[in-house]
Amino acid sequence: MNCTAAPFSEDDGPTQIRNQIDYSLKIEMEVAKRGEAHRPVRVYADGAFDLFHQGHARLLRQAKNVFPNVYLIVGGEYEHALSGLSLR
């Protein structure tokens, strides 16, 4: 499993790569699973991680391992609309 940090989007390397990618080409699920996608697949995982625990870690590991070539993007939900015990 490759768990290195993603480069900053403003860095020269990622900017050049991003400018060369044709985003109109869609990536099919089976192609991505085989690791044959023409670019890294972005997986977005959202959750309320205020009290981070083993279940959250498992969720993020599973999201990262869905495809061989992944950028995992994690969003934190900190809205007041949430009302779990850990959010009070």
PDB file of N, CA and C in Angstrom:
ATOM      1  N   MET A   1       0.844  -1.174   0.000  1.00  0.00           N
ATOM      2  CA  MET A   1       0.000   0.000   0.000  1.00  0.00           C
ATOM      3  C   MET A   1       0.888   1.236   0.000  1.00  0.00           C
ATOM      4  N   ASN A   2       0.612   2.164  -0.895  1.00  0.00           N
ATOM      5  CA  ASN A   2       1.360   3.403  -1.008  1.00  0.00           C
ATOM      6  C   ASN A   2       0.613   4.494  -0.262  1.00  0.00           C
ATOM      7  N   CYS A   3       1.138   4.944   0.846  1.00  0.00           N
ATOM      8  CA  CYS A   3       0.459   5.949   1.675  1.00  0.00           C
ATOM      9  C   CYS A   3       1.258   7.230   1.767  1.00  0.00           C
ATOM     10  N   THR A   4       1.868   7.639   0.683  1.00  0.00           N
ATOM     11  CA  THR A   4       2.594   8.896   0.708  1.00  0.00           C
ATOM     12  C   THR A   4       1.619  10.056   0.529  1.00  0.00           C
ATOM     13  N   ALA A   5       2.033  11.201   0.975  1.00  0.00           N
ATOM     14  CA  ALA A   5       1.177  12.382   0.850  1.00  0.00           C
ATOM     15  C   ALA A   5       1.101  12.828  -0.604  1.00  0.00           C
ATOM     16  N   ALA A   6      -0.044  13.316  -0.989  1.00  0.00           N
ATOM     17  CA  ALA A   6      -0.212  13.858  -2.335  1.00  0.00           C
ATOM     18  C   ALA A   6       0.556  15.171  -2.435  1.00  0.00           C
ATOM     19  N   PRO A   7       1.133  15.452  -3.595  1.00  0.00           N
ATOM     20  CA  PRO A   7       1.841  16.724  -3.746  1.00  0.00           C
ATOM     21  C   PRO A   7       0.855  17.887  -3.740  1.00  0.00           C
ATOM     22  N   PHE A   8       1.343  19.065  -3.403  1.00  0.00           N
ATOM     23  CA  PHE A   8       0.499  20.250  -3.458  1.00  0.00           C
ATOM     24  C   PHE A   8       0.140  20.555  -4.906  1.00  0.00           C
ATOM     25  N   SER A   9      -1.070  20.990  -5.143  1.00  0.00           N
ATOM     26  CA  SER A   9      -1.543  21.204  -6.508  1.00  0.00           C
ATOM     27  C   SER A   9      -0.812  22.342  -7.210  1.00  0.00           C
ATOM     28  N   GLU A  10      -0.193  23.244  -6.459  1.00  0.00           N
ATOM     29  CA  GLU A  10       0.511  24.372  -7.079  1.00  0.00           C
ATOM     30  C   GLU A  10       1.945  24.031  -7.460  1.00  0.00           C
ATOM     31  N   ASP A  11       2.459  22.897  -7.009  1.00  0.00           N
ATOM     32  CA  ASP A  11       3.828  22.509  -7.333  1.00  0.00           C
ATOM     33  C   ASP A  11       3.976  22.318  -8.843  1.00  0.00           C
ATOM     34  N   ASP A  12       5.194  22.526  -9.346  1.00  0.00           N
ATOM     35  CA  ASP A  12       5.432  22.449 -10.788  1.00  0.00           C
ATOM     36  C   ASP A  12       5.093  21.085 -11.374  1.00  0.00           C
ATOM     37  N   GLY A  13       5.528  20.010 -10.724  1.00  0.00           N
ATOM     38  CA  GLY A  13       5.275  18.666 -11.250  1.00  0.00           C
ATOM     39  C   GLY A  13       3.794  18.377 -11.425  1.00  0.00           C
ATOM     40  N   PRO A  14       2.987  18.507 -10.373  1.00  0.00           N
ATOM     41  CA  PRO A  14       1.554  18.244 -10.509  1.00  0.00           C
ATOM     42  C   PRO A  14       0.861  19.171 -11.501  1.00  0.00           C
ATOM     43  N   THR A  15       1.305  20.416 -11.583  1.00  0.00           N
ATOM     44  CA  THR A  15       0.690  21.354 -12.528  1.00  0.00           C
ATOM     45  C   THR A  15       0.921  20.890 -13.955  1.00  0.00           C
ATOM     46  N   GLN A  16       2.133  20.464 -14.274  1.00  0.00           N
ATOM     47  CA  GLN A  16       2.431  19.973 -15.624  1.00  0.00           C
ATOM     48  C   GLN A  16       1.635  18.714 -15.938  1.00  0.00           C
ATOM     49  N   ILE A  17       1.574  17.797 -14.986  1.00  0.00           N
ATOM     50  CA  ILE A  17       0.815  16.560 -15.195  1.00  0.00           C
ATOM     51  C   ILE A  17      -0.657  16.874 -15.404  1.00  0.00           C
ATOM     52  N   ARG A  18      -1.206  17.730 -14.560  1.00  0.00           N
ATOM     53  CA  ARG A  18      -2.629  18.080 -14.649  1.00  0.00           C
ATOM     54  C   ARG A  18      -2.955  18.731 -15.996  1.00  0.00           C
ATOM     55  N   ASN A  19      -2.066  19.564 -16.505  1.00  0.00           N
ATOM     56  CA  ASN A  19      -2.308  20.235 -17.779  1.00  0.00           C
ATOM     57  C   ASN A  19      -2.262  19.276 -18.961  1.00  0.00           C
ATOM     58  N   GLN A  20      -1.630  18.121 -18.807  1.00  0.00           N
ATOM     59  CA  GLN A  20      -1.531  17.138 -19.887  1.00  0.00           C
ATOM     60  C   GLN A  20      -2.681  16.137 -19.886  1.00  0.00           C
ATOM     61  N   ILE A  21      -3.474  16.104 -18.829  1.00  0.00           N
ATOM     62  CA  ILE A  21      -4.540  15.107 -18.706  1.00  0.00           C
ATOM     63  C   ILE A  21      -5.787  15.568 -19.439  1.00  0.00           C
ATOM     64  N   ASP A  22      -6.378  14.652 -20.180  1.00  0.00           N
ATOM     65  CA  ASP A  22      -7.656  14.914 -20.852  1.00  0.00           C
ATOM     66  C   ASP A  22      -8.771  14.414 -19.938  1.00  0.00           C
ATOM     67  N   TYR A  23      -9.386  15.335 -19.198  1.00  0.00           N
ATOM     68  CA  TYR A  23     -10.415  14.959 -18.236  1.00  0.00           C
ATOM     69  C   TYR A  23     -11.737  14.597 -18.899  1.00  0.00           C
ATOM     70  N   SER A  24     -11.840  14.776 -20.205  1.00  0.00           N
ATOM     71  CA  SER A  24     -13.068  14.358 -20.893  1.00  0.00           C
ATOM     72  C   SER A  24     -13.106  12.834 -21.063  1.00  0.00           C
ATOM     73  N   LEU A  25     -11.947  12.171 -20.912  1.00  0.00           N
ATOM     74  CA  LEU A  25     -11.905  10.710 -20.979  1.00  0.00           C
ATOM     75  C   LEU A  25     -12.333  10.146 -19.632  1.00  0.00           C
ATOM     76  N   LYS A  26     -13.442   9.448 -19.623  1.00  0.00           N
ATOM     77  CA  LYS A  26     -13.964   8.881 -18.380  1.00  0.00           C
ATOM     78  C   LYS A  26     -13.219   7.592 -18.044  1.00  0.00           C
ATOM     79  N   ILE A  27     -13.076   7.328 -16.766  1.00  0.00           N
ATOM     80  CA  ILE A  27     -12.417   6.109 -16.298  1.00  0.00           C
ATOM     81  C   ILE A  27     -13.494   5.124 -15.870  1.00  0.00           C
ATOM     82  N   GLU A  28     -13.514   3.972 -16.518  1.00  0.00           N
ATOM     83  CA  GLU A  28     -14.484   2.942 -16.146  1.00  0.00           C
ATOM     84  C   GLU A  28     -13.999   2.206 -14.905  1.00  0.00           C
ATOM     85  N   MET A  29     -14.938   1.725 -14.119  1.00  0.00           N
ATOM     86  CA  MET A  29     -14.642   1.071 -12.846  1.00  0.00           C
ATOM     87  C   MET A  29     -13.666  -0.093 -13.013  1.00  0.00           C
ATOM     88  N   GLU A  30     -13.893  -0.963 -13.975  1.00  0.00           N
ATOM     89  CA  GLU A  30     -13.027  -2.137 -14.154  1.00  0.00           C
ATOM     90  C   GLU A  30     -11.616  -1.743 -14.573  1.00  0.00           C
ATOM     91  N   VAL A  31     -11.499  -0.720 -15.391  1.00  0.00           N
ATOM     92  CA  VAL A  31     -10.179  -0.234 -15.809  1.00  0.00           C
ATOM     93  C   VAL A  31      -9.421   0.302 -14.596  1.00  0.00           C
ATOM     94  N   ALA A  32     -10.107   1.054 -13.756  1.00  0.00           N
ATOM     95  CA  ALA A  32      -9.478   1.600 -12.550  1.00  0.00           C
ATOM     96  C   ALA A  32      -9.073   0.492 -11.589  1.00  0.00           C
ATOM     97  N   LYS A  33      -9.918  -0.523 -11.432  1.00  0.00           N
ATOM     98  CA  LYS A  33      -9.601  -1.631 -10.522  1.00  0.00           C
ATOM     99  C   LYS A  33      -8.375  -2.407 -10.977  1.00  0.00           C
ATOM    100  N   ARG A  34      -8.171  -2.496 -12.294  1.00  0.00           N
ATOM    101  CA  ARG A  34      -6.999  -3.199 -12.825  1.00  0.00           C
ATOM    102  C   ARG A  34      -5.740  -2.331 -12.773  1.00  0.00           C
ATOM    103  N   GLY A  35      -5.882  -1.063 -12.416  1.00  0.00           N
ATOM    104  CA  GLY A  35      -4.735  -0.168 -12.373  1.00  0.00           C
ATOM    105  C   GLY A  35      -4.325   0.343 -13.735  1.00  0.00           C
ATOM    106  N   GLU A  36      -5.242   0.320 -14.699  1.00  0.00           N
ATOM    107  CA  GLU A  36      -4.935   0.722 -16.065  1.00  0.00           C
ATOM    108  C   GLU A  36      -5.472   2.108 -16.415  1.00  0.00           C
ATOM    109  N   ALA A  37      -5.897   2.862 -15.423  1.00  0.00           N
ATOM    110  CA  ALA A  37      -6.410   4.210 -15.686  1.00  0.00           C
ATOM    111  C   ALA A  37      -5.267   5.109 -16.142  1.00  0.00           C
ATOM    112  N   HIS A  38      -5.576   6.082 -16.976  1.00  0.00           N
ATOM    113  CA  HIS A  38      -4.553   6.978 -17.526  1.00  0.00           C
ATOM    114  C   HIS A  38      -4.110   8.049 -16.533  1.00  0.00           C
ATOM    115  N   ARG A  39      -4.709   8.058 -15.354  1.00  0.00           N
ATOM    116  CA  ARG A  39      -4.343   9.009 -14.309  1.00  0.00           C
ATOM    117  C   ARG A  39      -4.765   8.436 -12.961  1.00  0.00           C
ATOM    118  N   PRO A  40      -4.268   8.987 -11.859  1.00  0.00           N
ATOM    119  CA  PRO A  40      -4.732   8.519 -10.549  1.00  0.00           C
ATOM    120  C   PRO A  40      -6.229   8.778 -10.379  1.00  0.00           C
ATOM    121  N   VAL A  41      -6.887   7.864  -9.705  1.00  0.00           N
ATOM    122  CA  VAL A  41      -8.309   8.003  -9.414  1.00  0.00           C
ATOM    123  C   VAL A  41      -8.439   8.757  -8.099  1.00  0.00           C
ATOM    124  N   ARG A  42      -9.351   9.707  -8.062  1.00  0.00           N
ATOM    125  CA  ARG A  42      -9.600  10.453  -6.822  1.00  0.00           C
ATOM    126  C   ARG A  42     -10.771   9.821  -6.100  1.00  0.00           C
ATOM    127  N   VAL A  43     -10.546   9.450  -4.856  1.00  0.00           N
ATOM    128  CA  VAL A  43     -11.604   8.888  -4.017  1.00  0.00           C
ATOM    129  C   VAL A  43     -11.842   9.874  -2.883  1.00  0.00           C
ATOM    130  N   TYR A  44     -13.102  10.285  -2.716  1.00  0.00           N
ATOM    131  CA  TYR A  44     -13.463  11.239  -1.672  1.00  0.00           C
ATOM    132  C   TYR A  44     -14.193  10.505  -0.564  1.00  0.00           C
ATOM    133  N   ALA A  45     -13.695  10.619   0.649  1.00  0.00           N
ATOM    134  CA  ALA A  45     -14.341  10.013   1.819  1.00  0.00           C
ATOM    135  C   ALA A  45     -14.697  11.135   2.787  1.00  0.00           C
ATOM    136  N   ASP A  46     -15.962  11.218   3.134  1.00  0.00           N
ATOM    137  CA  ASP A  46     -16.443  12.274   4.010  1.00  0.00           C
ATOM    138  C   ASP A  46     -16.940  11.657   5.302  1.00  0.00           C
ATOM    139  N   GLY A  47     -16.794  12.366   6.386  1.00  0.00           N
ATOM    140  CA  GLY A  47     -17.283  11.837   7.649  1.00  0.00           C
ATOM    141  C   GLY A  47     -17.097  12.816   8.782  1.00  0.00           C
ATOM    142  N   ALA A  48     -17.662  12.466   9.908  1.00  0.00           N
ATOM    143  CA  ALA A  48     -17.491  13.253  11.134  1.00  0.00           C
ATOM    144  C   ALA A  48     -16.391  12.576  11.943  1.00  0.00           C
ATOM    145  N   PHE A  49     -15.176  13.075  11.814  1.00  0.00           N
ATOM    146  CA  PHE A  49     -14.008  12.443  12.415  1.00  0.00           C
ATOM    147  C   PHE A  49     -13.541  13.180  13.666  1.00  0.00           C
ATOM    148  N   ASP A  50     -14.466  13.802  14.389  1.00  0.00           N
ATOM    149  CA  ASP A  50     -14.070  14.578  15.561  1.00  0.00           C
ATOM    150  C   ASP A  50     -13.497  13.699  16.666  1.00  0.00           C
ATOM    151  N   LEU A  51     -13.992  12.494  16.801  1.00  0.00           N
ATOM    152  CA  LEU A  51     -13.470  11.536  17.771  1.00  0.00           C
ATOM    153  C   LEU A  51     -12.955  10.342  16.966  1.00  0.00           C
ATOM    154  N   PHE A  52     -11.750  10.505  16.390  1.00  0.00           N
ATOM    155  CA  PHE A  52     -11.201   9.523  15.458  1.00  0.00           C
ATOM    156  C   PHE A  52     -10.943   8.201  16.172  1.00  0.00           C
ATOM    157  N   HIS A  53     -11.388   7.094  15.569  1.00  0.00           N
ATOM    158  CA  HIS A  53     -11.201   5.780  16.176  1.00  0.00           C
ATOM    159  C   HIS A  53     -10.867   4.745  15.104  1.00  0.00           C
ATOM    160  N   GLN A  54     -10.713   3.509  15.514  1.00  0.00           N
ATOM    161  CA  GLN A  54     -10.284   2.425  14.629  1.00  0.00           C
ATOM    162  C   GLN A  54     -11.227   2.233  13.447  1.00  0.00           C
ATOM    163  N   GLY A  55     -12.508   2.410  13.661  1.00  0.00           N
ATOM    164  CA  GLY A  55     -13.469   2.282  12.562  1.00  0.00           C
ATOM    165  C   GLY A  55     -13.236   3.321  11.479  1.00  0.00           C
ATOM    166  N   HIS A  56     -12.890   4.547  11.880  1.00  0.00           N
ATOM    167  CA  HIS A  56     -12.577   5.583  10.901  1.00  0.00           C
ATOM    168  C   HIS A  56     -11.325   5.194  10.111  1.00  0.00           C
ATOM    169  N   ALA A  57     -10.321   4.688  10.805  1.00  0.00           N
ATOM    170  CA  ALA A  57      -9.081   4.277  10.143  1.00  0.00           C
ATOM    171  C   ALA A  57      -9.351   3.171   9.132  1.00  0.00           C
ATOM    172  N   ARG A  58     -10.201   2.216   9.497  1.00  0.00           N
ATOM    173  CA  ARG A  58     -10.561   1.139   8.564  1.00  0.00           C
ATOM    174  C   ARG A  58     -11.283   1.692   7.342  1.00  0.00           C
ATOM    175  N   LEU A  59     -12.209   2.615   7.563  1.00  0.00           N
ATOM    176  CA  LEU A  59     -12.940   3.237   6.458  1.00  0.00           C
ATOM    177  C   LEU A  59     -11.982   3.898   5.476  1.00  0.00           C
ATOM    178  N   LEU A  60     -11.032   4.669   5.990  1.00  0.00           N
ATOM    179  CA  LEU A  60     -10.099   5.377   5.119  1.00  0.00           C
ATOM    180  C   LEU A  60      -9.144   4.418   4.419  1.00  0.00           C
ATOM    181  N   ARG A  61      -8.719   3.362   5.103  1.00  0.00           N
ATOM    182  CA  ARG A  61      -7.863   2.357   4.465  1.00  0.00           C
ATOM    183  C   ARG A  61      -8.606   1.670   3.326  1.00  0.00           C
ATOM    184  N   GLN A  62      -9.860   1.309   3.557  1.00  0.00           N
ATOM    185  CA  GLN A  62     -10.657   0.670   2.510  1.00  0.00           C
ATOM    186  C   GLN A  62     -10.849   1.614   1.323  1.00  0.00           C
ATOM    187  N   ALA A  63     -11.107   2.880   1.598  1.00  0.00           N
ATOM    188  CA  ALA A  63     -11.276   3.850   0.513  1.00  0.00           C
ATOM    189  C   ALA A  63      -9.985   3.992  -0.290  1.00  0.00           C
ATOM    190  N   LYS A  64      -8.847   3.990   0.390  1.00  0.00           N
ATOM    191  CA  LYS A  64      -7.551   4.113  -0.284  1.00  0.00           C
ATOM    192  C   LYS A  64      -7.240   2.880  -1.127  1.00  0.00           C
ATOM    193  N   ASN A  65      -7.703   1.715  -0.684  1.00  0.00           N
ATOM    194  CA  ASN A  65      -7.376   0.460  -1.363  1.00  0.00           C
ATOM    195  C   ASN A  65      -8.394   0.037  -2.412  1.00  0.00           C
ATOM    196  N   VAL A  66      -9.370   0.872  -2.709  1.00  0.00           N
ATOM    197  CA  VAL A  66     -10.363   0.518  -3.727  1.00  0.00           C
ATOM    198  C   VAL A  66      -9.691   0.317  -5.080  1.00  0.00           C
ATOM    199  N   PHE A  67      -8.731   1.187  -5.401  1.00  0.00           N
ATOM    200  CA  PHE A  67      -8.025   1.133  -6.677  1.00  0.00           C
ATOM    201  C   PHE A  67      -6.528   1.190  -6.407  1.00  0.00           C
ATOM    202  N   PRO A  68      -5.703   0.662  -7.336  1.00  0.00           N
ATOM    203  CA  PRO A  68      -4.256   0.652  -7.119  1.00  0.00           C
ATOM    204  C   PRO A  68      -3.607   2.036  -7.163  1.00  0.00           C
ATOM    205  N   ASN A  69      -4.148   2.958  -7.941  1.00  0.00           N
ATOM    206  CA  ASN A  69      -3.529   4.270  -8.142  1.00  0.00           C
ATOM    207  C   ASN A  69      -4.523   5.342  -7.697  1.00  0.00           C
ATOM    208  N   VAL A  70      -4.433   5.756  -6.422  1.00  0.00           N
ATOM    209  CA  VAL A  70      -5.476   6.583  -5.805  1.00  0.00           C
ATOM    210  C   VAL A  70      -4.902   7.810  -5.115  1.00  0.00           C
ATOM    211  N   TYR A  71      -5.610   8.913  -5.253  1.00  0.00           N
ATOM    212  CA  TYR A  71      -5.460  10.051  -4.355  1.00  0.00           C
ATOM    213  C   TYR A  71      -6.677  10.016  -3.453  1.00  0.00           C
ATOM    214  N   LEU A  72      -6.467   9.813  -2.166  1.00  0.00           N
ATOM    215  CA  LEU A  72      -7.570   9.803  -1.208  1.00  0.00           C
ATOM    216  C   LEU A  72      -7.756  11.216  -0.680  1.00  0.00           C
ATOM    217  N   ILE A  73      -8.959  11.731  -0.851  1.00  0.00           N
ATOM    218  CA  ILE A  73      -9.312  13.065  -0.372  1.00  0.00           C
ATOM    219  C   ILE A  73     -10.304  12.874   0.762  1.00  0.00           C
ATOM    220  N   VAL A  74      -9.976  13.398   1.934  1.00  0.00           N
ATOM    221  CA  VAL A  74     -10.826  13.200   3.110  1.00  0.00           C
ATOM    222  C   VAL A  74     -11.447  14.530   3.504  1.00  0.00           C
ATOM    223  N   GLY A  75     -12.767  14.507   3.644  1.00  0.00           N
ATOM    224  CA  GLY A  75     -13.498  15.692   4.084  1.00  0.00           C
ATOM    225  C   GLY A  75     -13.979  15.494   5.505  1.00  0.00           C
ATOM    226  N   GLY A  76     -13.944  16.551   6.271  1.00  0.00           N
ATOM    227  CA  GLY A  76     -14.439  16.487   7.644  1.00  0.00           C
ATOM    228  C   GLY A  76     -15.763  17.222   7.747  1.00  0.00           C
ATOM    229  N   GLU A  77     -16.734  16.594   8.321  1.00  0.00           N
ATOM    230  CA  GLU A  77     -18.061  17.190   8.466  1.00  0.00           C
ATOM    231  C   GLU A  77     -18.178  17.768   9.864  1.00  0.00           C
ATOM    232  N   TYR A  78     -18.182  19.062   9.964  1.00  0.00           N
ATOM    233  CA  TYR A  78     -18.246  19.715  11.267  1.00  0.00           C
ATOM    234  C   TYR A  78     -19.461  20.632  11.373  1.00  0.00           C
ATOM    235  N   GLU A  79     -20.514  20.275  10.682  1.00  0.00           N
ATOM    236  CA  GLU A  79     -21.727  21.088  10.705  1.00  0.00           C
ATOM    237  C   GLU A  79     -22.460  20.931  12.028  1.00  0.00           C
ATOM    238  N   HIS A  80     -23.135  21.960  12.445  1.00  0.00           N
ATOM    239  CA  HIS A  80     -23.924  21.892  13.672  1.00  0.00           C
ATOM    240  C   HIS A  80     -25.157  21.025  13.498  1.00  0.00           C
ATOM    241  N   ALA A  81     -25.505  20.691  12.266  1.00  0.00           N
ATOM    242  CA  ALA A  81     -26.681  19.855  12.018  1.00  0.00           C
ATOM    243  C   ALA A  81     -26.459  18.422  12.493  1.00  0.00           C
ATOM    244  N   LEU A  82     -25.205  18.016  12.644  1.00  0.00           N
ATOM    245  CA  LEU A  82     -24.911  16.668  13.116  1.00  0.00           C
ATOM    246  C   LEU A  82     -25.240  16.572  14.599  1.00  0.00           C
ATOM    247  N   SER A  83     -25.729  15.408  15.012  1.00  0.00           N
ATOM    248  CA  SER A  83     -26.130  15.311  16.422  1.00  0.00           C
ATOM    249  C   SER A  83     -25.871  13.934  17.003  1.00  0.00           C
ATOM    250  N   GLY A  84     -24.635  13.469  16.928  1.00  0.00           N
ATOM    251  CA  GLY A  84     -24.275  12.213  17.574  1.00  0.00           C
ATOM    252  C   GLY A  84     -23.739  12.483  18.970  1.00  0.00           C
ATOM    253  N   LEU A  85     -23.605  11.442  19.768  1.00  0.00           N
ATOM    254  CA  LEU A  85     -23.086  11.621  21.126  1.00  0.00           C
ATOM    255  C   LEU A  85     -21.693  12.240  21.130  1.00  0.00           C
ATOM    256  N   SER A  86     -20.872  11.839  20.158  1.00  0.00           N
ATOM    257  CA  SER A  86     -19.504  12.357  20.133  1.00  0.00           C
ATOM    258  C   SER A  86     -19.451  13.805  19.652  1.00  0.00           C
ATOM    259  N   LEU A  87     -20.551  14.322  19.123  1.00  0.00           N
ATOM    260  CA  LEU A  87     -20.553  15.676  18.576  1.00  0.00           C
ATOM    261  C   LEU A  87     -21.130  16.702  19.534  1.00  0.00           C
ATOM    262  N   ARG A  88     -21.497  16.301  20.724  1.00  0.00           N
ATOM    263  CA  ARG A  88     -22.091  17.243  21.688  1.00  0.00           C
ATOM    264  C   ARG A  88     -21.049  17.847  22.581  1.00  0.00           C
TER     265      ARG A  88
END
